[in-house]
Protein backbone atom coordinates (compact mmCIF):
# COMPACT_ATOMS: atom_id res chain seq x y z
CA UNK A 1 117.25 287.25 142.38
CA UNK A 2 117.85 289.68 145.20
CA UNK A 3 114.57 291.63 144.77
CA UNK A 4 112.55 288.40 144.64
CA UNK A 5 114.14 287.23 147.90
CA UNK A 6 113.29 290.58 149.53
CA UNK A 7 109.67 290.21 148.45
CA UNK A 8 109.52 286.66 149.80
CA UNK A 9 111.16 287.81 153.07
CA UNK A 10 108.67 290.67 153.40
CA UNK A 11 105.63 288.45 152.81
CA UNK A 12 106.95 285.83 155.23
CA UNK A 13 107.70 288.47 157.89
CA UNK A 14 104.15 289.86 157.77
CA UNK A 15 102.56 286.44 157.75
CA UNK A 16 104.69 285.10 160.64
CA UNK A 17 104.21 288.29 162.64
CA UNK A 18 100.41 288.00 162.32
CA UNK A 19 100.46 284.32 163.36
CA UNK A 20 102.79 284.77 166.35
CA UNK A 21 101.27 288.00 167.73
CA UNK A 22 98.63 286.19 169.89
CA UNK A 23 101.49 284.43 171.69
CA UNK A 24 103.24 287.70 172.39
CA UNK A 25 106.11 287.07 170.01
CA UNK A 26 107.29 289.83 167.69
CA UNK A 27 109.27 288.71 164.62
CA UNK A 28 111.48 291.47 163.34
CA UNK A 29 113.44 289.72 160.64
CA UNK A 30 113.10 286.76 158.27
CA UNK A 31 115.67 285.72 155.70
CA UNK A 32 115.34 283.02 153.05
CA UNK A 33 118.80 281.65 152.27
CA UNK A 34 118.30 278.80 149.86
CA UNK A 35 115.40 278.14 147.56
CA UNK A 36 115.47 274.60 146.23
CA UNK A 37 112.92 274.11 143.46
CA UNK A 38 111.42 270.70 142.79
CA UNK A 39 112.91 268.38 140.17
CA UNK A 40 110.39 269.34 137.46
CA UNK A 41 111.26 273.03 137.77
CA UNK A 42 114.99 272.19 137.87
CA UNK A 43 114.61 270.08 134.70
CA UNK A 44 112.72 272.88 132.97
CA UNK A 45 115.38 275.40 133.99
CA UNK A 46 118.16 273.14 132.70
CA UNK A 47 116.33 272.63 129.40
CA UNK A 48 115.88 276.40 129.07
CA UNK A 49 119.59 277.02 129.76
CA UNK A 50 120.57 274.31 127.24
CA UNK A 51 118.27 275.88 124.64
CA UNK A 52 119.83 279.30 125.26
CA UNK A 53 123.35 277.85 124.86
CA UNK A 54 122.36 276.13 121.61
CA UNK A 55 120.80 279.34 120.35
CA UNK A 56 123.94 281.36 121.15
CA UNK A 57 126.12 278.69 119.50
CA UNK A 58 123.95 278.73 116.37
CA UNK A 59 124.12 282.53 116.19
CA UNK A 60 127.90 282.52 116.60
CA UNK A 61 128.30 279.79 113.98
CA UNK A 62 126.08 281.61 111.47
CA UNK A 63 128.00 284.85 112.03
CA UNK A 64 131.25 282.97 111.42
CA UNK A 65 129.88 281.44 108.23
CA UNK A 66 128.66 284.86 107.09
CA UNK A 67 132.09 286.41 107.66
CA UNK A 68 133.72 283.49 105.84
CA UNK A 69 131.42 283.94 102.83
CA UNK A 70 132.08 287.69 102.78
CA UNK A 71 135.84 287.19 102.96
CA UNK A 72 135.78 284.56 100.20
CA UNK A 73 133.67 286.82 97.98
CA UNK A 74 136.02 289.76 98.56
CA UNK A 75 139.02 287.54 97.79
CA UNK A 76 137.41 286.28 94.58
CA UNK A 77 136.56 289.83 93.51
CA UNK A 78 140.10 291.04 94.16
CA UNK A 79 141.51 288.04 92.30
CA UNK A 80 139.32 288.78 89.27
CA UNK A 81 140.35 292.45 89.34
CA UNK A 82 144.03 291.50 89.44
CA UNK A 83 143.56 288.99 86.60
CA UNK A 84 141.67 291.57 84.52
CA UNK A 85 144.38 294.18 85.08
CA UNK A 86 147.07 291.67 84.10
CA UNK A 87 145.13 290.72 80.95
CA UNK A 88 144.66 294.38 80.03
CA UNK A 89 148.36 295.08 80.54
CA UNK A 90 149.31 292.04 78.43
CA UNK A 91 147.02 293.21 75.61
CA UNK A 92 148.55 296.69 75.79
CA UNK A 93 152.10 295.33 75.67
CA UNK A 94 151.23 292.98 72.79
CA UNK A 95 149.66 295.89 70.91
CA UNK A 96 152.73 298.05 71.46
CA UNK A 97 154.98 295.21 70.29
CA UNK A 98 152.84 294.68 67.15
CA UNK A 99 152.91 298.42 66.42
CA UNK A 100 156.70 298.49 66.78
CA UNK A 101 156.99 295.43 64.52
CA UNK A 102 154.83 297.11 61.87
CA UNK A 103 156.89 300.32 62.13
CA UNK A 104 160.14 298.38 61.67
CA UNK A 105 158.71 296.44 58.70
CA UNK A 106 157.48 299.67 57.12
CA UNK A 107 160.91 301.27 57.52
CA UNK A 108 162.54 298.19 56.00
CA UNK A 109 160.08 298.21 53.07
CA UNK A 110 160.69 301.93 52.56
CA UNK A 111 164.46 301.40 52.47
CA UNK A 112 164.01 298.49 50.05
CA UNK A 113 161.88 300.65 47.73
CA UNK A 114 164.43 303.47 47.92
CA UNK A 115 167.23 301.02 47.07
CA UNK A 116 165.19 299.64 44.16
CA UNK A 117 164.45 303.15 42.97
CA UNK A 118 168.16 303.94 42.91
CA UNK A 119 168.79 300.72 41.01
CA UNK A 120 166.00 301.54 38.52
CA UNK A 121 167.35 305.00 37.75
CA UNK A 122 165.62 306.92 40.57
CA UNK A 123 161.88 306.33 39.82
CA UNK A 124 160.15 305.41 43.12
CA UNK A 125 156.87 304.43 41.41
CA UNK A 126 158.64 301.72 39.37
CA UNK A 127 160.26 300.41 42.56
CA UNK A 128 156.86 300.32 44.32
CA UNK A 129 155.31 298.43 41.37
CA UNK A 130 158.18 295.96 41.45
CA UNK A 131 157.73 295.42 45.22
CA UNK A 132 153.96 294.88 44.83
CA UNK A 133 154.51 292.41 42.00
CA UNK A 134 157.02 290.52 44.14
CA UNK A 135 154.54 290.35 47.07
CA UNK A 136 151.80 289.15 44.69
CA UNK A 137 153.98 286.33 43.42
CA UNK A 138 154.94 285.31 46.97
CA UNK A 139 151.29 285.28 48.06
CA UNK A 140 150.25 283.21 45.02
CA UNK A 141 152.98 280.70 45.83
CA UNK A 142 151.74 280.32 49.44
CA UNK A 143 148.14 279.90 48.24
CA UNK A 144 149.18 277.25 45.72
CA UNK A 145 150.90 275.16 48.41
CA UNK A 146 148.15 275.32 51.04
CA UNK A 147 146.01 272.19 51.62
CA UNK A 148 142.61 273.79 51.33
CA UNK A 149 142.89 276.12 48.32
CA UNK A 150 142.44 275.95 44.59
CA UNK A 151 144.43 278.34 42.45
CA UNK A 152 143.19 279.54 39.11
CA UNK A 153 145.64 281.78 37.28
CA UNK A 154 144.50 284.04 34.51
CA UNK A 155 146.34 286.52 32.34
């Protein structure tokens, strides 16, 4: 470095000035231009530089892997949120459809009971009893035809 060269120049200047003074020579300036270290020092310096490059490369690679893992985790989380929202919306729509189906069936059953009541001289309770009896008979018929049921009828 520049400050190290100045120190070396200063030490050399003093030393040379002391040695040449008995001859009547005054040295006013010394400059070291090139410092060539021996091969062992050069090898050690090269190994140190290689180690520093490997260290920087490892740090950069680990930071890249960290960012990749973070991005993948964020993507997975967002994907799960989107899937959950879609599932929730599907359940809501299915529930609304089932509610509408039940409302339509109830209206149809109500109209059928009203029509039966008119047919049976205007008594809605007789029409409701008739409708229940009809549903009971239909249910018994489905039970009797299923593979895994035994039907026992009693009076």
